[in-house]
Amino acid sequence: MISWVWTVFRSRRAAMLEAEFLVMKLGCEAAAHAHALASDPQATEERRAYYRRVARIAKRRHEFLNALDTATKHDVQNEWRCRRGSLCR
């Protein structure tokens, strides 16, 4: 049971880090890019579910960043960069 919870947690964290990376690099197109990856017919169902999760998180993160002023936005993005496992440095 504990190993299953840990696996779900790692998958969620990986999706969050990838979504933040996409938002920082692609901006408003991040969710659309993740949806395109989720609709890839050659991908497994597990991979498509992962990218659907990435798309949901990317959409929320982008909306969150749009609501912030410029200084706070840079602070939040810097916090994302400094997280352990972050894809953007």
N, C-alpha and C. Protein backbone atom coordinates (compact mmCIF):
# COMPACT_ATOMS: atom_id res chain seq x y z
N MET A 1 0.82 -1.20 0.00
CA MET A 1 0.00 0.00 0.00
C MET A 1 0.87 1.26 0.00
N ILE A 2 1.88 1.28 0.85
CA ILE A 2 2.74 2.46 0.92
C ILE A 2 3.47 2.68 -0.39
N SER A 3 3.92 1.63 -1.04
CA SER A 3 4.64 1.79 -2.30
C SER A 3 3.73 2.37 -3.38
N TRP A 4 2.46 2.02 -3.37
CA TRP A 4 1.51 2.55 -4.34
C TRP A 4 1.34 4.05 -4.14
N VAL A 5 1.21 4.47 -2.88
CA VAL A 5 1.06 5.89 -2.57
C VAL A 5 2.31 6.66 -3.01
N TRP A 6 3.47 6.09 -2.77
CA TRP A 6 4.72 6.74 -3.17
C TRP A 6 4.80 6.87 -4.69
N THR A 7 4.36 5.86 -5.42
CA THR A 7 4.37 5.90 -6.88
C THR A 7 3.44 7.01 -7.39
N VAL A 8 2.27 7.12 -6.82
CA VAL A 8 1.33 8.17 -7.21
C VAL A 8 1.91 9.55 -6.90
N PHE A 9 2.53 9.68 -5.74
CA PHE A 9 3.14 10.95 -5.36
C PHE A 9 4.25 11.35 -6.33
N ARG A 10 5.11 10.41 -6.68
CA ARG A 10 6.20 10.71 -7.62
C ARG A 10 5.66 11.10 -8.99
N SER A 11 4.62 10.41 -9.45
CA SER A 11 4.03 10.72 -10.74
C SER A 11 3.42 12.13 -10.73
N ARG A 12 2.75 12.47 -9.65
CA ARG A 12 2.14 13.80 -9.52
C ARG A 12 3.22 14.88 -9.49
N ARG A 13 4.29 14.62 -8.76
CA ARG A 13 5.38 15.60 -8.67
C ARG A 13 6.07 15.78 -10.02
N ALA A 14 6.29 14.69 -10.74
CA ALA A 14 6.91 14.78 -12.06
C ALA A 14 6.02 15.58 -13.00
N ALA A 15 4.71 15.35 -12.94
CA ALA A 15 3.78 16.10 -13.78
C ALA A 15 3.80 17.58 -13.43
N MET A 16 3.88 17.89 -12.14
CA MET A 16 3.92 19.28 -11.70
C MET A 16 5.19 19.97 -12.22
N LEU A 17 6.33 19.31 -12.09
CA LEU A 17 7.58 19.90 -12.55
C LEU A 17 7.58 20.11 -14.06
N GLU A 18 7.04 19.13 -14.79
CA GLU A 18 6.99 19.27 -16.25
C GLU A 18 6.02 20.38 -16.66
N ALA A 19 4.89 20.49 -15.96
CA ALA A 19 3.93 21.54 -16.27
C ALA A 19 4.54 22.92 -16.02
N GLU A 20 5.25 23.08 -14.91
CA GLU A 20 5.89 24.36 -14.62
C GLU A 20 6.94 24.69 -15.67
N PHE A 21 7.68 23.69 -16.11
CA PHE A 21 8.67 23.90 -17.17
C PHE A 21 7.98 24.38 -18.45
N LEU A 22 6.89 23.71 -18.83
CA LEU A 22 6.18 24.10 -20.05
C LEU A 22 5.61 25.51 -19.94
N VAL A 23 5.07 25.86 -18.78
CA VAL A 23 4.52 27.20 -18.60
C VAL A 23 5.61 28.25 -18.71
N MET A 24 6.77 27.97 -18.15
CA MET A 24 7.86 28.95 -18.22
C MET A 24 8.42 29.08 -19.63
N LYS A 25 8.45 28.01 -20.38
CA LYS A 25 9.03 28.05 -21.72
C LYS A 25 8.01 28.42 -22.81
N LEU A 26 6.77 27.93 -22.69
CA LEU A 26 5.79 28.13 -23.75
C LEU A 26 4.69 29.12 -23.40
N GLY A 27 4.55 29.46 -22.14
CA GLY A 27 3.52 30.41 -21.72
C GLY A 27 2.13 29.86 -21.93
N CYS A 28 1.30 30.61 -22.66
CA CYS A 28 -0.10 30.23 -22.83
C CYS A 28 -0.28 28.98 -23.68
N GLU A 29 0.73 28.57 -24.40
CA GLU A 29 0.62 27.38 -25.25
C GLU A 29 0.98 26.09 -24.51
N ALA A 30 1.31 26.18 -23.25
CA ALA A 30 1.76 25.01 -22.49
C ALA A 30 0.69 23.93 -22.39
N ALA A 31 -0.53 24.32 -22.05
CA ALA A 31 -1.60 23.34 -21.91
C ALA A 31 -1.94 22.71 -23.26
N ALA A 32 -1.93 23.52 -24.32
CA ALA A 32 -2.22 22.98 -25.66
C ALA A 32 -1.15 21.99 -26.09
N HIS A 33 0.10 22.28 -25.75
CA HIS A 33 1.20 21.36 -26.08
C HIS A 33 1.03 20.04 -25.34
N ALA A 34 0.68 20.12 -24.07
CA ALA A 34 0.48 18.89 -23.28
C ALA A 34 -0.73 18.11 -23.78
N HIS A 35 -1.79 18.82 -24.19
CA HIS A 35 -2.96 18.12 -24.76
C HIS A 35 -2.58 17.42 -26.06
N ALA A 36 -1.73 18.04 -26.86
CA ALA A 36 -1.28 17.41 -28.10
C ALA A 36 -0.50 16.13 -27.80
N LEU A 37 0.34 16.17 -26.78
CA LEU A 37 1.07 14.96 -26.39
C LEU A 37 0.13 13.90 -25.84
N ALA A 38 -0.94 14.34 -25.17
CA ALA A 38 -1.91 13.39 -24.60
C ALA A 38 -2.74 12.71 -25.68
N SER A 39 -2.85 13.33 -26.83
CA SER A 39 -3.66 12.73 -27.89
C SER A 39 -2.83 11.94 -28.90
N ASP A 40 -1.57 11.72 -28.60
CA ASP A 40 -0.69 10.94 -29.47
C ASP A 40 -1.18 9.49 -29.52
N PRO A 41 -1.55 8.99 -30.71
CA PRO A 41 -2.09 7.63 -30.79
C PRO A 41 -1.07 6.53 -30.51
N GLN A 42 0.21 6.85 -30.62
CA GLN A 42 1.23 5.83 -30.40
C GLN A 42 1.61 5.70 -28.93
N ALA A 43 1.18 6.65 -28.11
CA ALA A 43 1.51 6.61 -26.68
C ALA A 43 0.60 5.62 -25.96
N THR A 44 1.10 5.10 -24.86
CA THR A 44 0.29 4.19 -24.04
C THR A 44 -0.77 5.00 -23.30
N GLU A 45 -1.78 4.30 -22.79
CA GLU A 45 -2.85 4.98 -22.06
C GLU A 45 -2.30 5.64 -20.79
N GLU A 46 -1.34 5.00 -20.17
CA GLU A 46 -0.73 5.58 -18.97
C GLU A 46 -0.02 6.89 -19.30
N ARG A 47 0.67 6.94 -20.42
CA ARG A 47 1.39 8.14 -20.85
C ARG A 47 0.40 9.25 -21.22
N ARG A 48 -0.70 8.87 -21.88
CA ARG A 48 -1.71 9.87 -22.22
C ARG A 48 -2.35 10.45 -20.96
N ALA A 49 -2.61 9.60 -19.97
CA ALA A 49 -3.17 10.08 -18.70
C ALA A 49 -2.19 11.03 -18.00
N TYR A 50 -0.92 10.71 -18.08
CA TYR A 50 0.11 11.57 -17.49
C TYR A 50 0.10 12.95 -18.14
N TYR A 51 0.03 13.01 -19.46
CA TYR A 51 0.04 14.30 -20.14
C TYR A 51 -1.28 15.05 -19.97
N ARG A 52 -2.38 14.34 -19.76
CA ARG A 52 -3.62 15.04 -19.41
C ARG A 52 -3.46 15.72 -18.05
N ARG A 53 -2.80 15.04 -17.12
CA ARG A 53 -2.52 15.62 -15.81
C ARG A 53 -1.60 16.83 -15.96
N VAL A 54 -0.58 16.70 -16.79
CA VAL A 54 0.34 17.82 -17.04
C VAL A 54 -0.44 19.01 -17.61
N ALA A 55 -1.35 18.75 -18.53
CA ALA A 55 -2.13 19.83 -19.14
C ALA A 55 -3.01 20.54 -18.11
N ARG A 56 -3.64 19.77 -17.22
CA ARG A 56 -4.46 20.39 -16.18
C ARG A 56 -3.62 21.28 -15.26
N ILE A 57 -2.48 20.76 -14.85
CA ILE A 57 -1.61 21.53 -13.95
C ILE A 57 -1.07 22.76 -14.67
N ALA A 58 -0.67 22.61 -15.93
CA ALA A 58 -0.12 23.74 -16.70
C ALA A 58 -1.17 24.84 -16.85
N LYS A 59 -2.40 24.46 -17.08
CA LYS A 59 -3.47 25.45 -17.22
C LYS A 59 -3.63 26.23 -15.91
N ARG A 60 -3.66 25.52 -14.79
CA ARG A 60 -3.80 26.18 -13.49
C ARG A 60 -2.61 27.08 -13.19
N ARG A 61 -1.39 26.60 -13.47
CA ARG A 61 -0.19 27.39 -13.20
C ARG A 61 -0.15 28.65 -14.07
N HIS A 62 -0.56 28.52 -15.33
CA HIS A 62 -0.55 29.68 -16.21
C HIS A 62 -1.57 30.72 -15.74
N GLU A 63 -2.77 30.27 -15.36
CA GLU A 63 -3.78 31.20 -14.85
C GLU A 63 -3.28 31.88 -13.57
N PHE A 64 -2.59 31.12 -12.74
CA PHE A 64 -2.04 31.67 -11.51
C PHE A 64 -1.02 32.76 -11.82
N LEU A 65 -0.12 32.50 -12.78
CA LEU A 65 0.90 33.49 -13.13
C LEU A 65 0.29 34.74 -13.77
N ASN A 66 -0.75 34.57 -14.56
CA ASN A 66 -1.38 35.72 -15.21
C ASN A 66 -2.03 36.66 -14.21
N ALA A 67 -2.43 36.14 -13.07
CA ALA A 67 -3.09 36.97 -12.06
C ALA A 67 -2.10 37.78 -11.22
N LEU A 68 -0.81 37.51 -11.36
CA LEU A 68 0.20 38.17 -10.53
C LEU A 68 0.77 39.40 -11.23
N ASP A 69 1.31 40.32 -10.42
CA ASP A 69 2.04 41.44 -10.99
C ASP A 69 3.43 40.95 -11.41
N THR A 70 4.16 41.77 -12.13
CA THR A 70 5.42 41.35 -12.73
C THR A 70 6.46 40.92 -11.70
N ALA A 71 6.62 41.68 -10.63
CA ALA A 71 7.64 41.35 -9.63
C ALA A 71 7.32 40.03 -8.94
N THR A 72 6.07 39.85 -8.57
CA THR A 72 5.67 38.61 -7.91
C THR A 72 5.80 37.43 -8.86
N LYS A 73 5.48 37.65 -10.13
CA LYS A 73 5.59 36.59 -11.13
C LYS A 73 7.04 36.11 -11.23
N HIS A 74 7.99 37.03 -11.24
CA HIS A 74 9.40 36.65 -11.30
C HIS A 74 9.84 35.91 -10.04
N ASP A 75 9.31 36.33 -8.90
CA ASP A 75 9.63 35.63 -7.64
C ASP A 75 9.12 34.20 -7.67
N VAL A 76 7.90 34.01 -8.16
CA VAL A 76 7.31 32.67 -8.23
C VAL A 76 8.10 31.81 -9.21
N GLN A 77 8.44 32.36 -10.36
CA GLN A 77 9.21 31.60 -11.34
C GLN A 77 10.59 31.25 -10.80
N ASN A 78 11.19 32.14 -10.05
CA ASN A 78 12.48 31.84 -9.44
C ASN A 78 12.34 30.72 -8.41
N GLU A 79 11.25 30.74 -7.66
CA GLU A 79 10.99 29.65 -6.71
C GLU A 79 10.84 28.32 -7.44
N TRP A 80 10.17 28.33 -8.59
CA TRP A 80 10.01 27.10 -9.38
C TRP A 80 11.38 26.60 -9.85
N ARG A 81 12.24 27.53 -10.26
CA ARG A 81 13.57 27.14 -10.75
C ARG A 81 14.42 26.50 -9.66
N CYS A 82 14.24 26.96 -8.43
CA CYS A 82 15.07 26.49 -7.31
C CYS A 82 14.58 25.19 -6.69
N ARG A 83 13.43 24.70 -7.11
CA ARG A 83 12.91 23.46 -6.53
C ARG A 83 13.79 22.28 -6.91
N ARG A 84 13.86 21.34 -6.01
CA ARG A 84 14.62 20.12 -6.29
C ARG A 84 13.94 19.38 -7.44
N GLY A 85 14.71 18.99 -8.42
CA GLY A 85 14.19 18.25 -9.57
C GLY A 85 13.65 19.13 -10.68
N SER A 86 13.75 20.44 -10.53
CA SER A 86 13.21 21.35 -11.54
C SER A 86 13.89 21.12 -12.88
N LEU A 87 13.11 21.20 -13.95
CA LEU A 87 13.63 21.00 -15.30
C LEU A 87 14.22 22.27 -15.88
N CYS A 88 13.89 23.42 -15.31
CA CYS A 88 14.42 24.68 -15.83
C CYS A 88 15.38 25.29 -14.82
N ARG A 89 16.51 25.69 -15.30
CA ARG A 89 17.55 26.27 -14.44
C ARG A 89 17.90 27.64 -14.91
